[in-house]
């Protein structure tokens, strides 16, 4: 059963225009607030990656090789399972970090395989 009968509905355009204007203003304010938070979000993400790299650099050589193998294994598993490309791209970030740390230590690929 409808909330309002057709004869009770206000068909005047004035109240609807005010509502539409208020909604538009609200959306603009929320959009500006979201855009204002983007630089802070980028800084937090950069700091998180830097912290993760610092933790990897604190591991032993064997720990870094194990972390690289684990990250690569998870990414390969997601790829074989048919994960979306966005998930694969996100899972490639730890692979890149661990391989960067491995190469910075001078570990050769032979050490990674054996």
PDB file of N, CA and C in Angstrom:
ATOM      1  N   UNK A   1       0.840  -1.162   0.000  1.00  0.00           N
ATOM      2  CA  UNK A   1       0.000   0.000   0.000  1.00  0.00           C
ATOM      3  C   UNK A   1       0.894   1.237   0.000  1.00  0.00           C
ATOM      4  N   UNK A   2       0.622   2.213  -0.870  1.00  0.00           N
ATOM      5  CA  UNK A   2       1.474   3.402  -0.957  1.00  0.00           C
ATOM      6  C   UNK A   2       1.384   4.247   0.304  1.00  0.00           C
ATOM      7  N   UNK A   3       2.448   4.977   0.579  1.00  0.00           N
ATOM      8  CA  UNK A   3       2.478   5.848   1.752  1.00  0.00           C
ATOM      9  C   UNK A   3       1.535   7.033   1.581  1.00  0.00           C
ATOM     10  N   UNK A   4       1.476   7.554   0.382  1.00  0.00           N
ATOM     11  CA  UNK A   4       0.636   8.723   0.111  1.00  0.00           C
ATOM     12  C   UNK A   4      -0.316   8.404  -1.030  1.00  0.00           C
ATOM     13  N   UNK A   5      -1.516   8.857  -0.874  1.00  0.00           N
ATOM     14  CA  UNK A   5      -2.455   8.718  -1.978  1.00  0.00           C
ATOM     15  C   UNK A   5      -2.131   9.796  -3.006  1.00  0.00           C
ATOM     16  N   UNK A   6      -2.482   9.562  -4.264  1.00  0.00           N
ATOM     17  CA  UNK A   6      -2.147  10.544  -5.305  1.00  0.00           C
ATOM     18  C   UNK A   6      -2.663  11.945  -5.027  1.00  0.00           C
ATOM     19  N   UNK A   7      -3.782  12.082  -4.343  1.00  0.00           N
ATOM     20  CA  UNK A   7      -4.316  13.427  -4.084  1.00  0.00           C
ATOM     21  C   UNK A   7      -3.596  14.120  -2.925  1.00  0.00           C
ATOM     22  N   UNK A   8      -2.759  13.376  -2.148  1.00  0.00           N
ATOM     23  CA  UNK A   8      -2.023  13.966  -1.039  1.00  0.00           C
ATOM     24  C   UNK A   8      -0.598  14.365  -1.412  1.00  0.00           C
ATOM     25  N   UNK A   9      -0.130  13.955  -2.581  1.00  0.00           N
ATOM     26  CA  UNK A   9       1.247  14.215  -2.987  1.00  0.00           C
ATOM     27  C   UNK A   9       1.378  15.672  -3.424  1.00  0.00           C
ATOM     28  N   UNK A  10       2.407  16.334  -2.909  1.00  0.00           N
ATOM     29  CA  UNK A  10       2.675  17.722  -3.287  1.00  0.00           C
ATOM     30  C   UNK A  10       3.394  17.730  -4.628  1.00  0.00           C
ATOM     31  N   UNK A  11       2.764  18.238  -5.628  1.00  0.00           N
ATOM     32  CA  UNK A  11       3.345  18.260  -6.966  1.00  0.00           C
ATOM     33  C   UNK A  11       3.984  19.598  -7.296  1.00  0.00           C
ATOM     34  N   UNK A  12       4.073  20.485  -6.332  1.00  0.00           N
ATOM     35  CA  UNK A  12       4.706  21.770  -6.571  1.00  0.00           C
ATOM     36  C   UNK A  12       6.194  21.561  -6.801  1.00  0.00           C
ATOM     37  N   UNK A  13       6.756  22.175  -7.819  1.00  0.00           N
ATOM     38  CA  UNK A  13       8.163  21.996  -8.170  1.00  0.00           C
ATOM     39  C   UNK A  13       9.111  22.710  -7.241  1.00  0.00           C
ATOM     40  N   UNK A  14       8.628  23.687  -6.467  1.00  0.00           N
ATOM     41  CA  UNK A  14       9.491  24.497  -5.628  1.00  0.00           C
ATOM     42  C   UNK A  14      10.198  23.669  -4.556  1.00  0.00           C
ATOM     43  N   UNK A  15       9.464  22.791  -3.857  1.00  0.00           N
ATOM     44  CA  UNK A  15      10.086  22.003  -2.798  1.00  0.00           C
ATOM     45  C   UNK A  15      11.067  20.982  -3.368  1.00  0.00           C
ATOM     46  N   UNK A  16      10.777  20.452  -4.543  1.00  0.00           N
ATOM     47  CA  UNK A  16      11.683  19.485  -5.156  1.00  0.00           C
ATOM     48  C   UNK A  16      12.971  20.161  -5.632  1.00  0.00           C
ATOM     49  N   UNK A  17      12.864  21.372  -6.120  1.00  0.00           N
ATOM     50  CA  UNK A  17      14.058  22.104  -6.548  1.00  0.00           C
ATOM     51  C   UNK A  17      14.953  22.411  -5.360  1.00  0.00           C
ATOM     52  N   UNK A  18      14.359  22.759  -4.221  1.00  0.00           N
ATOM     53  CA  UNK A  18      15.150  23.028  -3.014  1.00  0.00           C
ATOM     54  C   UNK A  18      15.854  21.752  -2.544  1.00  0.00           C
ATOM     55  N   UNK A  19      15.134  20.619  -2.595  1.00  0.00           N
ATOM     56  CA  UNK A  19      15.741  19.344  -2.197  1.00  0.00           C
ATOM     57  C   UNK A  19      16.886  18.976  -3.120  1.00  0.00           C
ATOM     58  N   UNK A  20      16.693  19.154  -4.417  1.00  0.00           N
ATOM     59  CA  UNK A  20      17.741  18.826  -5.380  1.00  0.00           C
ATOM     60  C   UNK A  20      18.951  19.724  -5.180  1.00  0.00           C
ATOM     61  N   UNK A  21      18.724  20.989  -4.904  1.00  0.00           N
ATOM     62  CA  UNK A  21      19.820  21.915  -4.659  1.00  0.00           C
ATOM     63  C   UNK A  21      20.581  21.540  -3.387  1.00  0.00           C
ATOM     64  N   UNK A  22      19.866  21.145  -2.349  1.00  0.00           N
ATOM     65  CA  UNK A  22      20.519  20.738  -1.095  1.00  0.00           C
ATOM     66  C   UNK A  22      21.336  19.465  -1.294  1.00  0.00           C
ATOM     67  N   UNK A  23      20.799  18.535  -2.070  1.00  0.00           N
ATOM     68  CA  UNK A  23      21.525  17.292  -2.349  1.00  0.00           C
ATOM     69  C   UNK A  23      22.786  17.585  -3.150  1.00  0.00           C
ATOM     70  N   UNK A  24      22.664  18.453  -4.149  1.00  0.00           N
ATOM     71  CA  UNK A  24      23.830  18.801  -4.965  1.00  0.00           C
ATOM     72  C   UNK A  24      24.893  19.482  -4.116  1.00  0.00           C
ATOM     73  N   UNK A  25      24.492  20.402  -3.250  1.00  0.00           N
ATOM     74  CA  UNK A  25      25.452  21.072  -2.371  1.00  0.00           C
ATOM     75  C   UNK A  25      26.130  20.082  -1.432  1.00  0.00           C
ATOM     76  N   UNK A  26      25.364  19.140  -0.920  1.00  0.00           N
ATOM     77  CA  UNK A  26      25.915  18.118  -0.031  1.00  0.00           C
ATOM     78  C   UNK A  26      26.937  17.251  -0.762  1.00  0.00           C
ATOM     79  N   UNK A  27      26.620  16.877  -1.989  1.00  0.00           N
ATOM     80  CA  UNK A  27      27.561  16.064  -2.770  1.00  0.00           C
ATOM     81  C   UNK A  27      28.846  16.819  -3.083  1.00  0.00           C
ATOM     82  N   UNK A  28      28.724  18.100  -3.390  1.00  0.00           N
ATOM     83  CA  UNK A  28      29.915  18.910  -3.665  1.00  0.00           C
ATOM     84  C   UNK A  28      30.785  19.017  -2.422  1.00  0.00           C
ATOM     85  N   UNK A  29      30.171  19.235  -1.264  1.00  0.00           N
ATOM     86  CA  UNK A  29      30.942  19.330  -0.015  1.00  0.00           C
ATOM     87  C   UNK A  29      31.643  18.019   0.307  1.00  0.00           C
ATOM     88  N   UNK A  30      30.953  16.908   0.125  1.00  0.00           N
ATOM     89  CA  UNK A  30      31.575  15.605   0.393  1.00  0.00           C
ATOM     90  C   UNK A  30      32.702  15.318  -0.588  1.00  0.00           C
ATOM     91  N   UNK A  31      32.526  15.693  -1.843  1.00  0.00           N
ATOM     92  CA  UNK A  31      33.583  15.510  -2.834  1.00  0.00           C
ATOM     93  C   UNK A  31      34.822  16.318  -2.498  1.00  0.00           C
ATOM     94  N   UNK A  32      34.607  17.565  -2.066  1.00  0.00           N
ATOM     95  CA  UNK A  32      35.754  18.401  -1.682  1.00  0.00           C
ATOM     96  C   UNK A  32      36.463  17.841  -0.456  1.00  0.00           C
ATOM     97  N   UNK A  33      35.699  17.316   0.486  1.00  0.00           N
ATOM     98  CA  UNK A  33      36.308  16.723   1.677  1.00  0.00           C
ATOM     99  C   UNK A  33      37.119  15.479   1.314  1.00  0.00           C
ATOM    100  N   UNK A  34      36.597  14.683   0.378  1.00  0.00           N
ATOM    101  CA  UNK A  34      37.327  13.483  -0.046  1.00  0.00           C
ATOM    102  C   UNK A  34      38.612  13.859  -0.779  1.00  0.00           C
ATOM    103  N   UNK A  35      38.543  14.869  -1.628  1.00  0.00           N
ATOM    104  CA  UNK A  35      39.742  15.303  -2.348  1.00  0.00           C
ATOM    105  C   UNK A  35      40.769  15.925  -1.418  1.00  0.00           C
ATOM    106  N   UNK A  36      40.314  16.562  -0.358  1.00  0.00           N
ATOM    107  CA  UNK A  36      41.249  17.147   0.600  1.00  0.00           C
ATOM    108  C   UNK A  36      42.038  16.065   1.332  1.00  0.00           C
ATOM    109  N   UNK A  37      41.470  14.864   1.456  1.00  0.00           N
ATOM    110  CA  UNK A  37      42.157  13.778   2.148  1.00  0.00           C
ATOM    111  C   UNK A  37      43.114  12.982   1.288  1.00  0.00           C
ATOM    112  N   UNK A  38      43.128  13.216  -0.026  1.00  0.00           N
ATOM    113  CA  UNK A  38      43.977  12.434  -0.931  1.00  0.00           C
ATOM    114  C   UNK A  38      45.464  12.623  -0.648  1.00  0.00           C
ATOM    115  N   UNK A  39      45.971  13.852  -0.510  1.00  0.00           N
ATOM    116  CA  UNK A  39      47.412  13.988  -0.231  1.00  0.00           C
ATOM    117  C   UNK A  39      47.827  13.304   1.067  1.00  0.00           C
ATOM    118  N   UNK A  40      46.997  13.383   2.089  1.00  0.00           N
ATOM    119  CA  UNK A  40      47.311  12.714   3.352  1.00  0.00           C
ATOM    120  C   UNK A  40      47.318  11.205   3.191  1.00  0.00           C
ATOM    121  N   UNK A  41      46.409  10.672   2.395  1.00  0.00           N
ATOM    122  CA  UNK A  41      46.368   9.230   2.130  1.00  0.00           C
ATOM    123  C   UNK A  41      47.594   8.766   1.377  1.00  0.00           C
ATOM    124  N   UNK A  42      48.040   9.571   0.427  1.00  0.00           N
ATOM    125  CA  UNK A  42      49.243   9.221  -0.333  1.00  0.00           C
ATOM    126  C   UNK A  42      50.469   9.232   0.567  1.00  0.00           C
ATOM    127  N   UNK A  43      50.541  10.203   1.467  1.00  0.00           N
ATOM    128  CA  UNK A  43      51.665  10.256   2.411  1.00  0.00           C
ATOM    129  C   UNK A  43      51.659   9.056   3.351  1.00  0.00           C
ATOM    130  N   UNK A  44      50.454   8.666   3.813  1.00  0.00           N
ATOM    131  CA  UNK A  44      50.369   7.492   4.699  1.00  0.00           C
ATOM    132  C   UNK A  44      50.761   6.217   3.962  1.00  0.00           C
ATOM    133  N   UNK A  45      50.365   6.087   2.705  1.00  0.00           N
ATOM    134  CA  UNK A  45      50.738   4.903   1.926  1.00  0.00           C
ATOM    135  C   UNK A  45      52.247   4.863   1.700  1.00  0.00           C
ATOM    136  N   UNK A  46      52.827   6.013   1.393  1.00  0.00           N
ATOM    137  CA  UNK A  46      54.280   6.083   1.191  1.00  0.00           C
ATOM    138  C   UNK A  46      55.016   5.717   2.471  1.00  0.00           C
ATOM    139  N   UNK A  47      54.502   6.177   3.598  1.00  0.00           N
ATOM    140  CA  UNK A  47      55.120   5.859   4.891  1.00  0.00           C
ATOM    141  C   UNK A  47      54.989   4.367   5.202  1.00  0.00           C
ATOM    142  N   UNK A  48      53.849   3.773   4.871  1.00  0.00           N
ATOM    143  CA  UNK A  48      53.653   2.341   5.121  1.00  0.00           C
ATOM    144  C   UNK A  48      54.625   1.504   4.287  1.00  0.00           C
ATOM    145  N   UNK A  49      54.825   1.883   3.038  1.00  0.00           N
ATOM    146  CA  UNK A  49      55.778   1.152   2.188  1.00  0.00           C
ATOM    147  C   UNK A  49      57.194   1.323   2.726  1.00  0.00           C
ATOM    148  N   UNK A  50      57.520   2.521   3.173  1.00  0.00           N
ATOM    149  CA  UNK A  50      58.849   2.760   3.740  1.00  0.00           C
ATOM    150  C   UNK A  50      59.059   1.938   5.014  1.00  0.00           C
ATOM    151  N   UNK A  51      58.038   1.851   5.850  1.00  0.00           N
ATOM    152  CA  UNK A  51      58.139   1.036   7.067  1.00  0.00           C
ATOM    153  C   UNK A  51      58.302  -0.446   6.741  1.00  0.00           C
ATOM    154  N   UNK A  52      57.558  -0.916   5.742  1.00  0.00           N
ATOM    155  CA  UNK A  52      57.676  -2.323   5.339  1.00  0.00           C
ATOM    156  C   UNK A  52      59.072  -2.613   4.808  1.00  0.00           C
ATOM    157  N   UNK A  53      59.613  -1.680   4.021  1.00  0.00           N
ATOM    158  CA  UNK A  53      60.968  -1.868   3.499  1.00  0.00           C
ATOM    159  C   UNK A  53      61.983  -1.886   4.632  1.00  0.00           C
ATOM    160  N   UNK A  54      61.782  -1.060   5.643  1.00  0.00           N
ATOM    161  CA  UNK A  54      62.678  -1.057   6.794  1.00  0.00           C
ATOM    162  C   UNK A  54      62.632  -2.369   7.563  1.00  0.00           C
ATOM    163  N   UNK A  55      61.446  -2.947   7.702  1.00  0.00           N
ATOM    164  CA  UNK A  55      61.344  -4.234   8.373  1.00  0.00           C
ATOM    165  C   UNK A  55      62.017  -5.334   7.566  1.00  0.00           C
ATOM    166  N   UNK A  56      61.866  -5.284   6.248  1.00  0.00           N
ATOM    167  CA  UNK A  56      62.536  -6.290   5.407  1.00  0.00           C
ATOM    168  C   UNK A  56      64.047  -6.157   5.501  1.00  0.00           C
ATOM    169  N   UNK A  57      64.532  -4.933   5.550  1.00  0.00           N
ATOM    170  CA  UNK A  57      65.975  -4.737   5.646  1.00  0.00           C
ATOM    171  C   UNK A  57      66.527  -5.234   6.976  1.00  0.00           C
ATOM    172  N   UNK A  58      65.679  -5.334   7.978  1.00  0.00           N
ATOM    173  CA  UNK A  58      66.116  -5.842   9.272  1.00  0.00           C
ATOM    174  C   UNK A  58      66.187  -7.359   9.358  1.00  0.00           C
ATOM    175  N   UNK A  59      65.658  -8.063   8.367  1.00  0.00           N
ATOM    176  CA  UNK A  59      65.683  -9.532   8.369  1.00  0.00           C
ATOM    177  C   UNK A  59      67.056 -10.058   7.962  1.00  0.00           C
ATOM    178  N   UNK A  60      67.306 -11.303   8.309  1.00  0.00           N
ATOM    179  CA  UNK A  60      68.533 -11.954   7.853  1.00  0.00           C
ATOM    180  C   UNK A  60      68.392 -12.304   6.374  1.00  0.00           C
ATOM    181  N   UNK A  61      69.489 -12.751   5.750  1.00  0.00           N
ATOM    182  CA  UNK A  61      69.449 -13.120   4.335  1.00  0.00           C
ATOM    183  C   UNK A  61      68.446 -14.238   4.081  1.00  0.00           C
ATOM    184  N   UNK A  62      68.436 -15.227   4.954  1.00  0.00           N
ATOM    185  CA  UNK A  62      67.510 -16.352   4.796  1.00  0.00           C
ATOM    186  C   UNK A  62      66.069 -15.870   4.978  1.00  0.00           C
ATOM    187  N   UNK A  63      65.845 -14.961   5.900  1.00  0.00           N
ATOM    188  CA  UNK A  63      64.510 -14.420   6.117  1.00  0.00           C
ATOM    189  C   UNK A  63      64.001 -13.647   4.911  1.00  0.00           C
ATOM    190  N   UNK A  64      64.891 -12.889   4.284  1.00  0.00           N
ATOM    191  CA  UNK A  64      64.492 -12.131   3.098  1.00  0.00           C
ATOM    192  C   UNK A  64      64.170 -13.082   1.945  1.00  0.00           C
ATOM    193  N   UNK A  65      64.974 -14.129   1.789  1.00  0.00           N
ATOM    194  CA  UNK A  65      64.709 -15.116   0.732  1.00  0.00           C
ATOM    195  C   UNK A  65      63.379 -15.817   0.999  1.00  0.00           C
ATOM    196  N   UNK A  66      63.119 -16.159   2.254  1.00  0.00           N
ATOM    197  CA  UNK A  66      61.846 -16.798   2.597  1.00  0.00           C
ATOM    198  C   UNK A  66      60.670 -15.863   2.338  1.00  0.00           C
ATOM    199  N   UNK A  67      60.813 -14.593   2.692  1.00  0.00           N
ATOM    200  CA  UNK A  67      59.745 -13.614   2.452  1.00  0.00           C
ATOM    201  C   UNK A  67      59.504 -13.432   0.958  1.00  0.00           C
ATOM    202  N   UNK A  68      60.573 -13.397   0.169  1.00  0.00           N
ATOM    203  CA  UNK A  68      60.426 -13.259  -1.287  1.00  0.00           C
ATOM    204  C   UNK A  68      59.723 -14.483  -1.868  1.00  0.00           C
ATOM    205  N   UNK A  69      60.104 -15.660  -1.407  1.00  0.00           N
ATOM    206  CA  UNK A  69      59.457 -16.881  -1.891  1.00  0.00           C
ATOM    207  C   UNK A  69      57.996 -16.947  -1.520  1.00  0.00           C
ATOM    208  N   UNK A  70      57.672 -16.535  -0.306  1.00  0.00           N
ATOM    209  CA  UNK A  70      56.287 -16.546   0.131  1.00  0.00           C
ATOM    210  C   UNK A  70      55.451 -15.559  -0.678  1.00  0.00           C
ATOM    211  N   UNK A  71      55.969 -14.336  -0.836  1.00  0.00           N
ATOM    212  CA  UNK A  71      55.227 -13.313  -1.583  1.00  0.00           C
ATOM    213  C   UNK A  71      55.041 -13.723  -3.039  1.00  0.00           C
ATOM    214  N   UNK A  72      56.075 -14.292  -3.635  1.00  0.00           N
ATOM    215  CA  UNK A  72      55.966 -14.741  -5.024  1.00  0.00           C
ATOM    216  C   UNK A  72      55.009 -15.913  -5.140  1.00  0.00           C
ATOM    217  N   UNK A  73      55.016 -16.801  -4.155  1.00  0.00           N
ATOM    218  CA  UNK A  73      54.099 -17.939  -4.169  1.00  0.00           C
ATOM    219  C   UNK A  73      52.648 -17.519  -4.055  1.00  0.00           C
ATOM    220  N   UNK A  74      52.376 -16.544  -3.194  1.00  0.00           N
ATOM    221  CA  UNK A  74      51.005 -16.043  -3.049  1.00  0.00           C
ATOM    222  C   UNK A  74      50.542 -15.388  -4.346  1.00  0.00           C
ATOM    223  N   UNK A  75      51.407 -14.601  -4.954  1.00  0.00           N
ATOM    224  CA  UNK A  75      51.040 -13.929  -6.201  1.00  0.00           C
ATOM    225  C   UNK A  75      50.805 -14.936  -7.316  1.00  0.00           C
ATOM    226  N   UNK A  76      51.657 -15.937  -7.422  1.00  0.00           N
ATOM    227  CA  UNK A  76      51.459 -16.975  -8.449  1.00  0.00           C
ATOM    228  C   UNK A  76      50.171 -17.756  -8.189  1.00  0.00           C
ATOM    229  N   UNK A  77      49.890 -18.048  -6.940  1.00  0.00           N
ATOM    230  CA  UNK A  77      48.654 -18.749  -6.611  1.00  0.00           C
ATOM    231  C   UNK A  77      47.421 -17.944  -6.981  1.00  0.00           C
ATOM    232  N   UNK A  78      47.461 -16.650  -6.712  1.00  0.00           N
ATOM    233  CA  UNK A  78      46.342 -15.790  -7.100  1.00  0.00           C
ATOM    234  C   UNK A  78      46.182 -15.733  -8.618  1.00  0.00           C
ATOM    235  N   UNK A  79      47.315 -15.688  -9.320  1.00  0.00           N
ATOM    236  CA  UNK A  79      47.264 -15.660 -10.782  1.00  0.00           C
ATOM    237  C   UNK A  79      46.654 -16.949 -11.328  1.00  0.00           C
ATOM    238  N   UNK A  80      47.096 -18.084 -10.802  1.00  0.00           N
ATOM    239  CA  UNK A  80      46.579 -19.370 -11.282  1.00  0.00           C
ATOM    240  C   UNK A  80      45.116 -19.575 -10.900  1.00  0.00           C
ATOM    241  N   UNK A  81      44.694 -18.953  -9.810  1.00  0.00           N
ATOM    242  CA  UNK A  81      43.303 -19.071  -9.389  1.00  0.00           C
ATOM    243  C   UNK A  81      42.381 -18.148 -10.178  1.00  0.00           C
ATOM    244  N   UNK A  82      42.967 -17.258 -10.975  1.00  0.00           N
ATOM    245  CA  UNK A  82      42.157 -16.370 -11.796  1.00  0.00           C
ATOM    246  C   UNK A  82      41.696 -15.123 -11.064  1.00  0.00           C
ATOM    247  N   UNK A  83      42.529 -14.620 -10.176  1.00  0.00           N
ATOM    248  CA  UNK A  83      42.166 -13.412  -9.433  1.00  0.00           C
ATOM    249  C   UNK A  83      42.104 -12.208 -10.378  1.00  0.00           C
ATOM    250  N   UNK A  84      41.325 -11.202 -10.038  1.00  0.00           N
ATOM    251  CA  UNK A  84      41.263  -9.990 -10.858  1.00  0.00           C
ATOM    252  C   UNK A  84      42.621  -9.290 -10.932  1.00  0.00           C
ATOM    253  N   UNK A  85      42.801  -8.531 -11.978  1.00  0.00           N
ATOM    254  CA  UNK A  85      44.091  -7.868 -12.210  1.00  0.00           C
ATOM    255  C   UNK A  85      44.457  -6.908 -11.091  1.00  0.00           C
ATOM    256  N   UNK A  86      43.476  -6.233 -10.525  1.00  0.00           N
ATOM    257  CA  UNK A  86      43.756  -5.296  -9.434  1.00  0.00           C
ATOM    258  C   UNK A  86      44.337  -6.031  -8.232  1.00  0.00           C
ATOM    259  N   UNK A  87      43.799  -7.183  -7.915  1.00  0.00           N
ATOM    260  CA  UNK A  87      44.310  -7.971  -6.786  1.00  0.00           C
ATOM    261  C   UNK A  87      45.731  -8.450  -7.093  1.00  0.00           C
ATOM    262  N   UNK A  88      45.975  -8.849  -8.333  1.00  0.00           N
ATOM    263  CA  UNK A  88      47.333  -9.267  -8.711  1.00  0.00           C
ATOM    264  C   UNK A  88      48.315  -8.110  -8.600  1.00  0.00           C
ATOM    265  N   UNK A  89      47.889  -6.933  -9.019  1.00  0.00           N
ATOM    266  CA  UNK A  89      48.776  -5.769  -8.921  1.00  0.00           C
ATOM    267  C   UNK A  89      49.089  -5.441  -7.468  1.00  0.00           C
ATOM    268  N   UNK A  90      48.089  -5.542  -6.615  1.00  0.00           N
ATOM    269  CA  UNK A  90      48.320  -5.272  -5.189  1.00  0.00           C
ATOM    270  C   UNK A  90      49.222  -6.339  -4.576  1.00  0.00           C
ATOM    271  N   UNK A  91      49.034  -7.598  -4.984  1.00  0.00           N
ATOM    272  CA  UNK A  91      49.865  -8.661  -4.427  1.00  0.00           C
ATOM    273  C   UNK A  91      51.295  -8.615  -4.964  1.00  0.00           C
ATOM    274  N   UNK A  92      51.518  -7.879  -6.043  1.00  0.00           N
ATOM    275  CA  UNK A  92      52.873  -7.751  -6.586  1.00  0.00           C
ATOM    276  C   UNK A  92      53.714  -6.749  -5.802  1.00  0.00           C
ATOM    277  N   UNK A  93      53.085  -5.925  -4.989  1.00  0.00           N
ATOM    278  CA  UNK A  93      53.837  -4.935  -4.205  1.00  0.00           C
ATOM    279  C   UNK A  93      54.793  -5.610  -3.220  1.00  0.00           C
ATOM    280  N   UNK A  94      54.346  -6.599  -2.419  1.00  0.00           N
ATOM    281  CA  UNK A  94      55.312  -7.267  -1.536  1.00  0.00           C
ATOM    282  C   UNK A  94      56.404  -8.011  -2.306  1.00  0.00           C
ATOM    283  N   UNK A  95      56.072  -8.542  -3.474  1.00  0.00           N
ATOM    284  CA  UNK A  95      57.088  -9.219  -4.294  1.00  0.00           C
ATOM    285  C   UNK A  95      58.172  -8.223  -4.681  1.00  0.00           C
ATOM    286  N   UNK A  96      57.757  -7.050  -5.143  1.00  0.00           N
ATOM    287  CA  UNK A  96      58.729  -6.033  -5.540  1.00  0.00           C
ATOM    288  C   UNK A  96      59.576  -5.581  -4.355  1.00  0.00           C
ATOM    289  N   UNK A  97      58.943  -5.392  -3.203  1.00  0.00           N
ATOM    290  CA  UNK A  97      59.701  -4.963  -2.024  1.00  0.00           C
ATOM    291  C   UNK A  97      60.724  -6.002  -1.594  1.00  0.00           C
ATOM    292  N   UNK A  98      60.310  -7.271  -1.562  1.00  0.00           N
ATOM    293  CA  UNK A  98      61.249  -8.309  -1.116  1.00  0.00           C
ATOM    294  C   UNK A  98      62.354  -8.541  -2.130  1.00  0.00           C
ATOM    295  N   UNK A  99      62.021  -8.503  -3.408  1.00  0.00           N
ATOM    296  CA  UNK A  99      63.076  -8.690  -4.412  1.00  0.00           C
ATOM    297  C   UNK A  99      64.030  -7.505  -4.427  1.00  0.00           C
ATOM    298  N   UNK A 100      63.524  -6.297  -4.182  1.00  0.00           N
ATOM    299  CA  UNK A 100      64.402  -5.131  -4.098  1.00  0.00           C
ATOM    300  C   UNK A 100      65.365  -5.284  -2.927  1.00  0.00           C
ATOM    301  N   UNK A 101      64.847  -5.723  -1.793  1.00  0.00           N
ATOM    302  CA  UNK A 101      65.699  -5.926  -0.625  1.00  0.00           C
ATOM    303  C   UNK A 101      66.721  -7.030  -0.876  1.00  0.00           C
ATOM    304  N   UNK A 102      66.299  -8.080  -1.587  1.00  0.00           N
ATOM    305  CA  UNK A 102      67.208  -9.185  -1.899  1.00  0.00           C
ATOM    306  C   UNK A 102      68.334  -8.729  -2.813  1.00  0.00           C
ATOM    307  N   UNK A 103      67.994  -7.989  -3.835  1.00  0.00           N
ATOM    308  CA  UNK A 103      69.015  -7.527  -4.776  1.00  0.00           C
ATOM    309  C   UNK A 103      69.930  -6.475  -4.138  1.00  0.00           C
ATOM    310  N   UNK A 104      69.406  -5.664  -3.234  1.00  0.00           N
ATOM    311  CA  UNK A 104      70.229  -4.662  -2.561  1.00  0.00           C
ATOM    312  C   UNK A 104      71.278  -5.319  -1.669  1.00  0.00           C
ATOM    313  N   UNK A 105      70.975  -6.513  -1.185  1.00  0.00           N
ATOM    314  CA  UNK A 105      71.937  -7.241  -0.349  1.00  0.00           C
ATOM    315  C   UNK A 105      73.002  -7.951  -1.181  1.00  0.00           C
ATOM    316  N   UNK A 106      72.797  -8.007  -2.472  1.00  0.00           N
ATOM    317  CA  UNK A 106      73.769  -8.670  -3.333  1.00  0.00           C
ATOM    318  C   UNK A 106      73.561 -10.162  -3.448  1.00  0.00           C
ATOM    319  N   UNK A 107      72.407 -10.649  -3.045  1.00  0.00           N
ATOM    320  CA  UNK A 107      72.111 -12.078  -3.190  1.00  0.00           C
ATOM    321  C   UNK A 107      71.832 -12.374  -4.661  1.00  0.00           C
ATOM    322  N   UNK A 108      72.472 -13.397  -5.167  1.00  0.00           N
ATOM    323  CA  UNK A 108      72.298 -13.746  -6.566  1.00  0.00           C
ATOM    324  C   UNK A 108      71.076 -14.641  -6.730  1.00  0.00           C
ATOM    325  N   UNK A 109      70.493 -14.693  -7.936  1.00  0.00           N
ATOM    326  CA  UNK A 109      69.315 -15.537  -8.177  1.00  0.00           C
ATOM    327  C   UNK A 109      69.553 -17.016  -7.842  1.00  0.00           C
ATOM    328  N   UNK A 110      70.792 -17.482  -7.936  1.00  0.00           N
ATOM    329  CA  UNK A 110      71.073 -18.876  -7.605  1.00  0.00           C
ATOM    330  C   UNK A 110      70.714 -19.137  -6.143  1.00  0.00           C
ATOM    331  N   UNK A 111      70.991 -18.182  -5.292  1.00  0.00           N
ATOM    332  CA  UNK A 111      70.686 -18.313  -3.864  1.00  0.00           C
ATOM    333  C   UNK A 111      69.170 -18.368  -3.654  1.00  0.00           C
ATOM    334  N   UNK A 112      68.423 -17.652  -4.512  1.00  0.00           N
ATOM    335  CA  UNK A 112      66.976 -17.622  -4.379  1.00  0.00           C
ATOM    336  C   UNK A 112      66.367 -18.958  -4.762  1.00  0.00           C
ATOM    337  N   UNK A 113      66.951 -19.657  -5.733  1.00  0.00           N
ATOM    338  CA  UNK A 113      66.387 -20.914  -6.224  1.00  0.00           C
ATOM    339  C   UNK A 113      66.781 -22.085  -5.343  1.00  0.00           C
ATOM    340  N   UNK A 114      68.029 -22.133  -4.923  1.00  0.00           N
ATOM    341  CA  UNK A 114      68.491 -23.290  -4.153  1.00  0.00           C
ATOM    342  C   UNK A 114      68.111 -23.164  -2.725  1.00  0.00           C
TER     343      UNK A 114
END
